[in-house]
All heavy atoms as atom14 arrays in JSON, in Angstrom:
{
  "sequence": "DIATLTGAAITALGHHTSALFCNSPSLENALMQAGDIANDRCWPF",
  "atom14_mask": [
    [1, 1, 1, 1, 1, 1, 1, 1, 0, 0, 0, 0, 0, 0],
    [1, 1, 1, 1, 1, 1, 1, 1, 0, 0, 0, 0, 0, 0],
    [1, 1, 1, 1, 1, 0, 0, 0, 0, 0, 0, 0, 0, 0],
    [1, 1, 1, 1, 1, 1, 1, 0, 0, 0, 0, 0, 0, 0],
    [1, 1, 1, 1, 1, 1, 1, 1, 0, 0, 0, 0, 0, 0],
    [1, 1, 1, 1, 1, 1, 1, 0, 0, 0, 0, 0, 0, 0],
    [1, 1, 1, 1, 0, 0, 0, 0, 0, 0, 0, 0, 0, 0],
    [1, 1, 1, 1, 1, 0, 0, 0, 0, 0, 0, 0, 0, 0],
    [1, 1, 1, 1, 1, 0, 0, 0, 0, 0, 0, 0, 0, 0],
    [1, 1, 1, 1, 1, 1, 1, 1, 0, 0, 0, 0, 0, 0],
    [1, 1, 1, 1, 1, 1, 1, 0, 0, 0, 0, 0, 0, 0],
    [1, 1, 1, 1, 1, 0, 0, 0, 0, 0, 0, 0, 0, 0],
    [1, 1, 1, 1, 1, 1, 1, 1, 0, 0, 0, 0, 0, 0],
    [1, 1, 1, 1, 0, 0, 0, 0, 0, 0, 0, 0, 0, 0],
    [1, 1, 1, 1, 1, 1, 1, 1, 1, 1, 0, 0, 0, 0],
    [1, 1, 1, 1, 1, 1, 1, 1, 1, 1, 0, 0, 0, 0],
    [1, 1, 1, 1, 1, 1, 1, 0, 0, 0, 0, 0, 0, 0],
    [1, 1, 1, 1, 1, 1, 0, 0, 0, 0, 0, 0, 0, 0],
    [1, 1, 1, 1, 1, 0, 0, 0, 0, 0, 0, 0, 0, 0],
    [1, 1, 1, 1, 1, 1, 1, 1, 0, 0, 0, 0, 0, 0],
    [1, 1, 1, 1, 1, 1, 1, 1, 1, 1, 1, 0, 0, 0],
    [1, 1, 1, 1, 1, 1, 0, 0, 0, 0, 0, 0, 0, 0],
    [1, 1, 1, 1, 1, 1, 1, 1, 0, 0, 0, 0, 0, 0],
    [1, 1, 1, 1, 1, 1, 0, 0, 0, 0, 0, 0, 0, 0],
    [1, 1, 1, 1, 1, 1, 1, 0, 0, 0, 0, 0, 0, 0],
    [1, 1, 1, 1, 1, 1, 0, 0, 0, 0, 0, 0, 0, 0],
    [1, 1, 1, 1, 1, 1, 1, 1, 0, 0, 0, 0, 0, 0],
    [1, 1, 1, 1, 1, 1, 1, 1, 1, 0, 0, 0, 0, 0],
    [1, 1, 1, 1, 1, 1, 1, 1, 0, 0, 0, 0, 0, 0],
    [1, 1, 1, 1, 1, 0, 0, 0, 0, 0, 0, 0, 0, 0],
    [1, 1, 1, 1, 1, 1, 1, 1, 0, 0, 0, 0, 0, 0],
    [1, 1, 1, 1, 1, 1, 1, 1, 0, 0, 0, 0, 0, 0],
    [1, 1, 1, 1, 1, 1, 1, 1, 1, 0, 0, 0, 0, 0],
    [1, 1, 1, 1, 1, 0, 0, 0, 0, 0, 0, 0, 0, 0],
    [1, 1, 1, 1, 0, 0, 0, 0, 0, 0, 0, 0, 0, 0],
    [1, 1, 1, 1, 1, 1, 1, 1, 0, 0, 0, 0, 0, 0],
    [1, 1, 1, 1, 1, 1, 1, 1, 0, 0, 0, 0, 0, 0],
    [1, 1, 1, 1, 1, 0, 0, 0, 0, 0, 0, 0, 0, 0],
    [1, 1, 1, 1, 1, 1, 1, 1, 0, 0, 0, 0, 0, 0],
    [1, 1, 1, 1, 1, 1, 1, 1, 0, 0, 0, 0, 0, 0],
    [1, 1, 1, 1, 1, 1, 1, 1, 1, 1, 1, 0, 0, 0],
    [1, 1, 1, 1, 1, 1, 0, 0, 0, 0, 0, 0, 0, 0],
    [1, 1, 1, 1, 1, 1, 1, 1, 1, 1, 1, 1, 1, 1],
    [1, 1, 1, 1, 1, 1, 1, 0, 0, 0, 0, 0, 0, 0],
    [1, 1, 1, 1, 1, 1, 1, 1, 1, 1, 1, 0, 0, 0]
  ],
  "atom14_positions": [
    [[36.93, -13.07, -46.01], [37.97, -13.43, -46.86], [38.73, -12.27, -47.28], [38.2, -11.14, -47.47], [37.5, -14.26, -47.99], [36.82, -13.34, -49.11], [37.57, -12.68, -49.87], [35.61, -13.49, -49.32], [0.0, 0.0, 0.0], [0.0, 0.0, 0.0], [0.0, 0.0, 0.0], [0.0, 0.0, 0.0], [0.0, 0.0, 0.0], [0.0, 0.0, 0.0]],
    [[40.1, -12.4, -47.42], [40.98, -11.27, -47.71], [41.81, -11.75, -48.85], [42.46, -12.74, -48.94], [41.93, -11.08, -46.49], [41.16, -10.77, -45.19], [42.9, -9.82, -46.81], [41.14, -11.94, -44.22], [0.0, 0.0, 0.0], [0.0, 0.0, 0.0], [0.0, 0.0, 0.0], [0.0, 0.0, 0.0], [0.0, 0.0, 0.0], [0.0, 0.0, 0.0]],
    [[41.65, -10.91, -50.0], [42.3, -11.23, -51.26], [42.79, -10.11, -52.09], [42.04, -9.19, -52.26], [41.39, -12.19, -52.1], [0.0, 0.0, 0.0], [0.0, 0.0, 0.0], [0.0, 0.0, 0.0], [0.0, 0.0, 0.0], [0.0, 0.0, 0.0], [0.0, 0.0, 0.0], [0.0, 0.0, 0.0], [0.0, 0.0, 0.0], [0.0, 0.0, 0.0]],
    [[43.99, -10.28, -52.68], [44.41, -9.29, -53.66], [43.71, -9.71, -55.02], [44.3, -10.4, -55.89], [45.92, -9.35, -53.83], [46.38, -10.75, -53.95], [46.64, -8.76, -52.7], [0.0, 0.0, 0.0], [0.0, 0.0, 0.0], [0.0, 0.0, 0.0], [0.0, 0.0, 0.0], [0.0, 0.0, 0.0], [0.0, 0.0, 0.0], [0.0, 0.0, 0.0]],
    [[42.43, -9.47, -55.17], [41.64, -10.01, -56.16], [41.57, -9.41, -57.51], [41.68, -10.01, -58.51], [40.2, -10.27, -55.58], [39.54, -11.54, -56.1], [40.31, -12.75, -55.65], [38.06, -11.71, -55.72], [0.0, 0.0, 0.0], [0.0, 0.0, 0.0], [0.0, 0.0, 0.0], [0.0, 0.0, 0.0], [0.0, 0.0, 0.0], [0.0, 0.0, 0.0]],
    [[41.34, -8.03, -57.55], [41.05, -7.44, -58.86], [41.8, -6.07, -58.98], [41.87, -5.19, -58.09], [39.56, -7.15, -59.07], [39.16, -6.16, -58.15], [38.75, -8.41, -58.96], [0.0, 0.0, 0.0], [0.0, 0.0, 0.0], [0.0, 0.0, 0.0], [0.0, 0.0, 0.0], [0.0, 0.0, 0.0], [0.0, 0.0, 0.0], [0.0, 0.0, 0.0]],
    [[42.33, -5.84, -60.26], [42.79, -4.54, -60.61], [41.76, -3.56, -60.62], [42.05, -2.32, -60.33], [0.0, 0.0, 0.0], [0.0, 0.0, 0.0], [0.0, 0.0, 0.0], [0.0, 0.0, 0.0], [0.0, 0.0, 0.0], [0.0, 0.0, 0.0], [0.0, 0.0, 0.0], [0.0, 0.0, 0.0], [0.0, 0.0, 0.0], [0.0, 0.0, 0.0]],
    [[40.47, -3.87, -60.74], [39.45, -3.0, -60.74], [39.28, -2.34, -59.37], [38.78, -1.12, -59.26], [38.12, -3.69, -61.12], [0.0, 0.0, 0.0], [0.0, 0.0, 0.0], [0.0, 0.0, 0.0], [0.0, 0.0, 0.0], [0.0, 0.0, 0.0], [0.0, 0.0, 0.0], [0.0, 0.0, 0.0], [0.0, 0.0, 0.0], [0.0, 0.0, 0.0]],
    [[39.57, -3.01, -58.29], [39.54, -2.38, -56.98], [40.6, -1.25, -56.88], [40.26, -0.21, -56.21], [39.81, -3.38, -55.95], [0.0, 0.0, 0.0], [0.0, 0.0, 0.0], [0.0, 0.0, 0.0], [0.0, 0.0, 0.0], [0.0, 0.0, 0.0], [0.0, 0.0, 0.0], [0.0, 0.0, 0.0], [0.0, 0.0, 0.0], [0.0, 0.0, 0.0]],
    [[41.68, -1.36, -57.51], [42.66, -0.24, -57.53], [42.18, 0.8, -58.38], [42.33, 2.1, -57.99], [44.05, -0.75, -58.09], [44.48, -2.0, -57.25], [45.04, 0.3, -58.09], [45.79, -2.62, -57.8], [0.0, 0.0, 0.0], [0.0, 0.0, 0.0], [0.0, 0.0, 0.0], [0.0, 0.0, 0.0], [0.0, 0.0, 0.0], [0.0, 0.0, 0.0]],
    [[41.54, 0.56, -59.51], [40.94, 1.62, -60.38], [39.94, 2.44, -59.6], [39.88, 3.62, -59.73], [40.27, 0.92, -61.64], [41.34, 0.24, -62.36], [39.68, 2.11, -62.52], [0.0, 0.0, 0.0], [0.0, 0.0, 0.0], [0.0, 0.0, 0.0], [0.0, 0.0, 0.0], [0.0, 0.0, 0.0], [0.0, 0.0, 0.0], [0.0, 0.0, 0.0]],
    [[39.03, 1.73, -58.79], [38.04, 2.48, -58.09], [38.55, 3.23, -56.86], [38.08, 4.35, -56.68], [36.97, 1.43, -57.6], [0.0, 0.0, 0.0], [0.0, 0.0, 0.0], [0.0, 0.0, 0.0], [0.0, 0.0, 0.0], [0.0, 0.0, 0.0], [0.0, 0.0, 0.0], [0.0, 0.0, 0.0], [0.0, 0.0, 0.0], [0.0, 0.0, 0.0]],
    [[39.52, 2.62, -56.1], [39.78, 3.21, -54.8], [41.29, 3.59, -54.65], [41.74, 4.14, -53.63], [39.5, 2.17, -53.74], [37.97, 1.97, -53.53], [37.7, 0.81, -52.56], [37.28, 3.21, -53.06], [0.0, 0.0, 0.0], [0.0, 0.0, 0.0], [0.0, 0.0, 0.0], [0.0, 0.0, 0.0], [0.0, 0.0, 0.0], [0.0, 0.0, 0.0]],
    [[42.22, 3.26, -55.65], [43.58, 3.58, -55.54], [44.29, 2.67, -54.51], [43.75, 1.52, -54.32], [0.0, 0.0, 0.0], [0.0, 0.0, 0.0], [0.0, 0.0, 0.0], [0.0, 0.0, 0.0], [0.0, 0.0, 0.0], [0.0, 0.0, 0.0], [0.0, 0.0, 0.0], [0.0, 0.0, 0.0], [0.0, 0.0, 0.0], [0.0, 0.0, 0.0]],
    [[45.22, 3.25, -53.87], [45.98, 2.4, -52.88], [45.78, 2.78, -51.44], [46.62, 2.55, -50.57], [47.54, 2.53, -53.21], [47.83, 1.96, -54.57], [48.1, 0.65, -54.76], [48.01, 2.51, -55.84], [48.35, 0.42, -56.06], [48.31, 1.5, -56.73], [0.0, 0.0, 0.0], [0.0, 0.0, 0.0], [0.0, 0.0, 0.0], [0.0, 0.0, 0.0]],
    [[44.67, 3.43, -51.21], [44.38, 3.93, -49.74], [43.33, 3.19, -49.05], [43.23, 3.24, -47.88], [44.07, 5.42, -49.82], [45.06, 6.27, -50.48], [46.35, 6.5, -49.94], [45.04, 7.03, -51.61], [47.03, 7.23, -50.69], [46.35, 7.58, -51.73], [0.0, 0.0, 0.0], [0.0, 0.0, 0.0], [0.0, 0.0, 0.0], [0.0, 0.0, 0.0]],
    [[42.44, 2.46, -49.81], [41.29, 1.92, -49.22], [41.05, 0.58, -49.85], [41.17, 0.31, -51.05], [40.04, 2.8, -49.43], [40.36, 4.09, -49.13], [38.84, 2.29, -48.65], [0.0, 0.0, 0.0], [0.0, 0.0, 0.0], [0.0, 0.0, 0.0], [0.0, 0.0, 0.0], [0.0, 0.0, 0.0], [0.0, 0.0, 0.0], [0.0, 0.0, 0.0]],
    [[40.63, -0.45, -48.92], [40.22, -1.7, -49.46], [38.7, -1.72, -49.86], [37.97, -1.08, -49.18], [40.47, -2.8, -48.4], [41.84, -2.83, -48.04], [0.0, 0.0, 0.0], [0.0, 0.0, 0.0], [0.0, 0.0, 0.0], [0.0, 0.0, 0.0], [0.0, 0.0, 0.0], [0.0, 0.0, 0.0], [0.0, 0.0, 0.0], [0.0, 0.0, 0.0]],
    [[38.39, -2.54, -50.85], [37.0, -2.66, -51.27], [36.35, -3.73, -50.47], [36.83, -4.84, -50.25], [36.95, -3.06, -52.78], [0.0, 0.0, 0.0], [0.0, 0.0, 0.0], [0.0, 0.0, 0.0], [0.0, 0.0, 0.0], [0.0, 0.0, 0.0], [0.0, 0.0, 0.0], [0.0, 0.0, 0.0], [0.0, 0.0, 0.0], [0.0, 0.0, 0.0]],
    [[35.04, -3.47, -49.93], [34.4, -4.26, -49.0], [33.14, -4.82, -49.7], [32.35, -3.92, -50.09], [34.11, -3.53, -47.78], [33.22, -4.22, -46.71], [33.7, -5.58, -46.2], [32.96, -3.38, -45.5], [0.0, 0.0, 0.0], [0.0, 0.0, 0.0], [0.0, 0.0, 0.0], [0.0, 0.0, 0.0], [0.0, 0.0, 0.0], [0.0, 0.0, 0.0]],
    [[32.81, -6.06, -49.62], [31.66, -6.69, -50.1], [31.04, -7.54, -48.98], [31.81, -8.29, -48.44], [31.83, -7.46, -51.34], [32.4, -6.74, -52.56], [33.83, -6.49, -52.56], [31.62, -6.17, -53.5], [34.29, -5.74, -53.6], [32.09, -5.34, -54.5], [33.47, -5.2, -54.58], [0.0, 0.0, 0.0], [0.0, 0.0, 0.0], [0.0, 0.0, 0.0]],
    [[29.74, -7.4, -48.7], [29.24, -7.99, -47.49], [27.8, -8.28, -47.65], [27.04, -7.51, -48.26], [29.56, -7.06, -46.37], [29.4, -7.89, -44.67], [0.0, 0.0, 0.0], [0.0, 0.0, 0.0], [0.0, 0.0, 0.0], [0.0, 0.0, 0.0], [0.0, 0.0, 0.0], [0.0, 0.0, 0.0], [0.0, 0.0, 0.0], [0.0, 0.0, 0.0]],
    [[27.36, -9.4, -47.0], [25.89, -9.7, -47.0], [25.25, -9.52, -45.66], [24.15, -9.86, -45.43], [25.7, -11.22, -47.39], [26.34, -12.17, -46.38], [26.77, -11.74, -45.4], [26.23, -13.55, -46.7], [0.0, 0.0, 0.0], [0.0, 0.0, 0.0], [0.0, 0.0, 0.0], [0.0, 0.0, 0.0], [0.0, 0.0, 0.0], [0.0, 0.0, 0.0]],
    [[25.9, -8.75, -44.72], [25.46, -8.57, -43.39], [25.76, -7.1, -42.97], [26.97, -6.71, -42.81], [26.17, -9.53, -42.38], [26.07, -8.99, -41.06], [0.0, 0.0, 0.0], [0.0, 0.0, 0.0], [0.0, 0.0, 0.0], [0.0, 0.0, 0.0], [0.0, 0.0, 0.0], [0.0, 0.0, 0.0], [0.0, 0.0, 0.0], [0.0, 0.0, 0.0]],
    [[24.67, -6.29, -42.85], [24.88, -4.88, -42.43], [25.71, -4.69, -41.19], [26.59, -3.82, -41.11], [23.52, -4.34, -42.24], [22.63, -5.18, -43.2], [23.31, -6.56, -43.07], [0.0, 0.0, 0.0], [0.0, 0.0, 0.0], [0.0, 0.0, 0.0], [0.0, 0.0, 0.0], [0.0, 0.0, 0.0], [0.0, 0.0, 0.0], [0.0, 0.0, 0.0]],
    [[25.51, -5.55, -40.2], [26.21, -5.46, -38.92], [27.72, -5.79, -39.11], [28.57, -5.18, -38.51], [25.57, -6.38, -37.8], [25.67, -7.69, -38.11], [0.0, 0.0, 0.0], [0.0, 0.0, 0.0], [0.0, 0.0, 0.0], [0.0, 0.0, 0.0], [0.0, 0.0, 0.0], [0.0, 0.0, 0.0], [0.0, 0.0, 0.0], [0.0, 0.0, 0.0]],
    [[28.01, -6.78, -39.87], [29.41, -7.15, -40.05], [30.03, -6.01, -40.94], [31.32, -5.66, -40.69], [29.47, -8.5, -40.89], [30.83, -8.99, -41.28], [31.94, -9.1, -40.05], [30.83, -10.29, -41.95], [0.0, 0.0, 0.0], [0.0, 0.0, 0.0], [0.0, 0.0, 0.0], [0.0, 0.0, 0.0], [0.0, 0.0, 0.0], [0.0, 0.0, 0.0]],
    [[29.37, -5.52, -41.85], [29.92, -4.44, -42.74], [30.3, -3.2, -41.84], [31.31, -2.6, -41.94], [28.89, -4.11, -43.76], [29.37, -3.06, -44.67], [28.27, -2.6, -45.74], [28.11, -3.4, -46.7], [27.55, -1.5, -45.63], [0.0, 0.0, 0.0], [0.0, 0.0, 0.0], [0.0, 0.0, 0.0], [0.0, 0.0, 0.0], [0.0, 0.0, 0.0]],
    [[29.35, -2.81, -40.92], [29.61, -1.69, -40.12], [30.81, -2.01, -39.13], [31.54, -1.09, -38.9], [28.36, -1.41, -39.22], [27.26, -0.73, -40.12], [27.47, -0.2, -41.15], [26.01, -0.96, -39.74], [0.0, 0.0, 0.0], [0.0, 0.0, 0.0], [0.0, 0.0, 0.0], [0.0, 0.0, 0.0], [0.0, 0.0, 0.0], [0.0, 0.0, 0.0]],
    [[30.87, -3.13, -38.61], [31.92, -3.54, -37.72], [33.25, -3.37, -38.35], [34.27, -2.9, -37.82], [31.76, -4.96, -37.13], [0.0, 0.0, 0.0], [0.0, 0.0, 0.0], [0.0, 0.0, 0.0], [0.0, 0.0, 0.0], [0.0, 0.0, 0.0], [0.0, 0.0, 0.0], [0.0, 0.0, 0.0], [0.0, 0.0, 0.0], [0.0, 0.0, 0.0]],
    [[33.4, -3.9, -39.64], [34.63, -3.83, -40.4], [35.02, -2.47, -40.76], [36.22, -2.06, -40.65], [34.56, -4.66, -41.7], [34.64, -6.27, -41.42], [34.23, -6.99, -42.64], [36.04, -6.61, -40.92], [0.0, 0.0, 0.0], [0.0, 0.0, 0.0], [0.0, 0.0, 0.0], [0.0, 0.0, 0.0], [0.0, 0.0, 0.0], [0.0, 0.0, 0.0]],
    [[34.04, -1.6, -41.03], [34.31, -0.22, -41.35], [34.78, 0.63, -40.17], [35.71, 1.32, -40.23], [33.11, 0.44, -41.97], [32.86, -0.03, -43.36], [31.43, 0.85, -44.21], [32.22, 2.47, -44.54], [0.0, 0.0, 0.0], [0.0, 0.0, 0.0], [0.0, 0.0, 0.0], [0.0, 0.0, 0.0], [0.0, 0.0, 0.0], [0.0, 0.0, 0.0]],
    [[34.24, 0.31, -39.08], [34.66, 0.92, -37.77], [36.02, 0.56, -37.45], [36.89, 1.29, -36.99], [33.64, 0.62, -36.6], [32.36, 1.37, -36.75], [31.37, 0.97, -35.63], [31.79, 0.38, -34.5], [30.12, 1.11, -35.85], [0.0, 0.0, 0.0], [0.0, 0.0, 0.0], [0.0, 0.0, 0.0], [0.0, 0.0, 0.0], [0.0, 0.0, 0.0]],
    [[36.37, -0.84, -37.54], [37.65, -1.36, -37.18], [38.69, -0.69, -38.15], [39.78, -0.4, -37.69], [37.69, -2.89, -37.3], [0.0, 0.0, 0.0], [0.0, 0.0, 0.0], [0.0, 0.0, 0.0], [0.0, 0.0, 0.0], [0.0, 0.0, 0.0], [0.0, 0.0, 0.0], [0.0, 0.0, 0.0], [0.0, 0.0, 0.0], [0.0, 0.0, 0.0]],
    [[38.32, -0.6, -39.44], [39.19, 0.04, -40.35], [39.53, 1.46, -40.08], [40.7, 1.97, -40.18], [0.0, 0.0, 0.0], [0.0, 0.0, 0.0], [0.0, 0.0, 0.0], [0.0, 0.0, 0.0], [0.0, 0.0, 0.0], [0.0, 0.0, 0.0], [0.0, 0.0, 0.0], [0.0, 0.0, 0.0], [0.0, 0.0, 0.0], [0.0, 0.0, 0.0]],
    [[38.56, 2.23, -39.62], [38.81, 3.64, -39.14], [39.79, 3.75, -37.99], [40.62, 4.48, -37.92], [37.42, 4.26, -38.84], [36.63, 4.68, -40.1], [37.19, 4.67, -41.2], [35.42, 4.78, -39.94], [0.0, 0.0, 0.0], [0.0, 0.0, 0.0], [0.0, 0.0, 0.0], [0.0, 0.0, 0.0], [0.0, 0.0, 0.0], [0.0, 0.0, 0.0]],
    [[39.45, 2.8, -37.01], [40.3, 2.81, -35.79], [41.78, 2.46, -36.18], [42.75, 3.04, -35.59], [39.76, 1.8, -34.71], [38.39, 2.31, -34.25], [40.7, 1.6, -33.66], [37.58, 1.24, -33.53], [0.0, 0.0, 0.0], [0.0, 0.0, 0.0], [0.0, 0.0, 0.0], [0.0, 0.0, 0.0], [0.0, 0.0, 0.0], [0.0, 0.0, 0.0]],
    [[41.95, 1.54, -37.04], [43.29, 1.0, -37.37], [43.96, 1.79, -38.45], [45.12, 1.5, -38.82], [43.14, -0.5, -37.75], [0.0, 0.0, 0.0], [0.0, 0.0, 0.0], [0.0, 0.0, 0.0], [0.0, 0.0, 0.0], [0.0, 0.0, 0.0], [0.0, 0.0, 0.0], [0.0, 0.0, 0.0], [0.0, 0.0, 0.0], [0.0, 0.0, 0.0]],
    [[43.22, 2.84, -39.05], [43.69, 3.52, -40.22], [44.03, 2.62, -41.31], [45.09, 2.7, -42.07], [44.95, 4.42, -39.82], [45.26, 5.43, -40.86], [44.27, 5.89, -41.57], [46.51, 5.8, -41.06], [0.0, 0.0, 0.0], [0.0, 0.0, 0.0], [0.0, 0.0, 0.0], [0.0, 0.0, 0.0], [0.0, 0.0, 0.0], [0.0, 0.0, 0.0]],
    [[43.18, 1.62, -41.47], [43.3, 0.55, -42.55], [41.93, 0.42, -43.15], [41.19, -0.5, -42.99], [43.86, -0.75, -42.07], [44.09, -1.76, -43.13], [44.02, -1.37, -44.27], [44.38, -2.91, -42.73], [0.0, 0.0, 0.0], [0.0, 0.0, 0.0], [0.0, 0.0, 0.0], [0.0, 0.0, 0.0], [0.0, 0.0, 0.0], [0.0, 0.0, 0.0]],
    [[41.46, 1.47, -43.82], [40.08, 1.67, -44.15], [39.58, 0.79, -45.28], [40.3, 0.44, -46.18], [39.78, 3.13, -44.38], [39.84, 3.94, -43.17], [39.68, 5.44, -43.4], [40.75, 5.94, -44.28], [40.85, 7.24, -44.45], [40.02, 8.16, -44.12], [41.86, 7.69, -45.22], [0.0, 0.0, 0.0], [0.0, 0.0, 0.0], [0.0, 0.0, 0.0]],
    [[38.24, 0.5, -45.25], [37.52, -0.14, -46.32], [36.29, 0.54, -46.74], [35.81, 1.34, -45.92], [37.26, -1.64, -45.89], [36.32, -1.87, -44.4], [0.0, 0.0, 0.0], [0.0, 0.0, 0.0], [0.0, 0.0, 0.0], [0.0, 0.0, 0.0], [0.0, 0.0, 0.0], [0.0, 0.0, 0.0], [0.0, 0.0, 0.0], [0.0, 0.0, 0.0]],
    [[35.78, 0.33, -47.89], [34.61, 1.07, -48.36], [33.68, 0.05, -49.05], [34.14, -0.76, -49.89], [35.08, 2.11, -49.41], [34.0, 3.13, -49.75], [33.26, 3.18, -50.87], [33.49, 4.07, -48.83], [32.33, 4.21, -50.82], [32.33, 4.73, -49.6], [33.75, 4.6, -47.58], [31.69, 5.89, -49.01], [33.03, 5.56, -46.96], [32.03, 6.21, -47.74]],
    [[32.38, 0.15, -48.74], [31.47, -0.81, -49.21], [31.1, -0.62, -50.65], [30.89, 0.44, -51.15], [30.25, -0.69, -48.19], [30.28, 0.73, -47.83], [31.8, 1.08, -47.81], [0.0, 0.0, 0.0], [0.0, 0.0, 0.0], [0.0, 0.0, 0.0], [0.0, 0.0, 0.0], [0.0, 0.0, 0.0], [0.0, 0.0, 0.0], [0.0, 0.0, 0.0]],
    [[30.87, -1.77, -51.34], [30.3, -1.86, -52.69], [29.05, -2.62, -52.71], [28.96, -3.58, -51.85], [31.32, -2.4, -53.61], [32.48, -1.52, -54.0], [33.44, -1.08, -53.14], [32.46, -0.97, -55.3], [34.5, -0.26, -53.45], [33.5, -0.13, -55.73], [34.47, 0.32, -54.79], [0.0, 0.0, 0.0], [0.0, 0.0, 0.0], [0.0, 0.0, 0.0]]
  ]
}
């Protein structure tokens, strides 16, 4: 799911990185790798 959900995500990461929440380590790693390749990065919480 993709959502402009919380101002707190901006407080934590500013406007450069999306906050990532995940229940699957393999999915989390895949999204972080995809974000690095696309220069659209995410960071796990």
